């Protein structure tokens, strides 16, 4: 019997002559990555690890400071927002070590950021003391609907609406949809990619990528539009809380993670990134993208740490809580607040006791 021709090595189960199938079947391993990049990969891992450790230490410092200085019902929101940056950098580090896990790790990071954006809106409401306090603080203002980035092109056609509780809820829903829509996007995109049904970055009407990208962009722009509306409504009321700067940092986080990913994906598909011996352009391009995102999240994480540990905002919050203590109603107004008349320090409603009626003093939270 004649022995089969070959070099004596077992066949590569993942090997195929079809280049379209190689993307779905084979993933670059850590050993292959080291063979391609050598010491550069180890240097990248070291730098990324240092960045992750620094951001984790800053998050711990932020948590300790917030637990000591911030009102109790603010703390979980601030800690979650602060944890976005070390968490995303950790996902980038893991992807730099195991490039084959890039899609999964990227999806986890996107969903985590989406939840953080909704927590940021919750924190904005807490700065005012709730929806009712926000509406009392901003008064009867007209809110222009031509907020960036969703309606910047049709500014003359967008009317202004009077601020109301209904419009406030709509603004919140624009942001609250983000975790759900992004989770659906990540699930569908990953499923179709693994099934080799869609080609990332392919701009064609017969490919699912273009429709998923439209859904992804509308979801993200809607959340950014909701944040922009909050900025317009609260303008002039939250200076001491640095709300404008915090909102800009949150918007930049979305832009760097979401829109930058789209740009990289399309550029890779149309030959903007080369390949290495074991890393096809798609893997190598995402590898470069993770390095860029890592550095961007590091800078934003440093800025977020500074914003959320600035002491003056918590002194203002303490003064506001002290001024919002229960005060006796003026004679003749004993029936004005019949349900529940004030908020406790932890953000819950406190029932009236002792036979006296009280009202909460609503003071602007941005300063005197």
Foldseek 3Di string as FASTA:
>chain_A
DDDDDDDPDDDDPLDDPDPLCNVLRDFDALVNVCVFQPVVLVVLLVVLVVLLVVLVVLLVVLLVLCVVQAQPQLRVLLSLLLVLLSQLSVLLSVCSNGVRCNLVSLLVSQLSLLVNLLSLVVNVQVLQLHDVSLCVQLDFDWQWLCFPDPNVPPRVVTGTHTDDSVVLVVLSVLSNCQSVLSNVLSVVVVVCVSVSQAQFQDPDPNHCNVVSLVSLVSSLRSNLSSLRSSCRSCPPQAVQLVSVVVSVLSNVLCCLSRVVVNVLRNCLVVPVACATPRGHSVSVSSSVSSSVNSVVSSVSSVVSSCSSNDNRLSVLVVVLVVQFPWDADDPPCQCVDPPFAGADSNSHTDHDDDPGGTHTDNDRSNHD
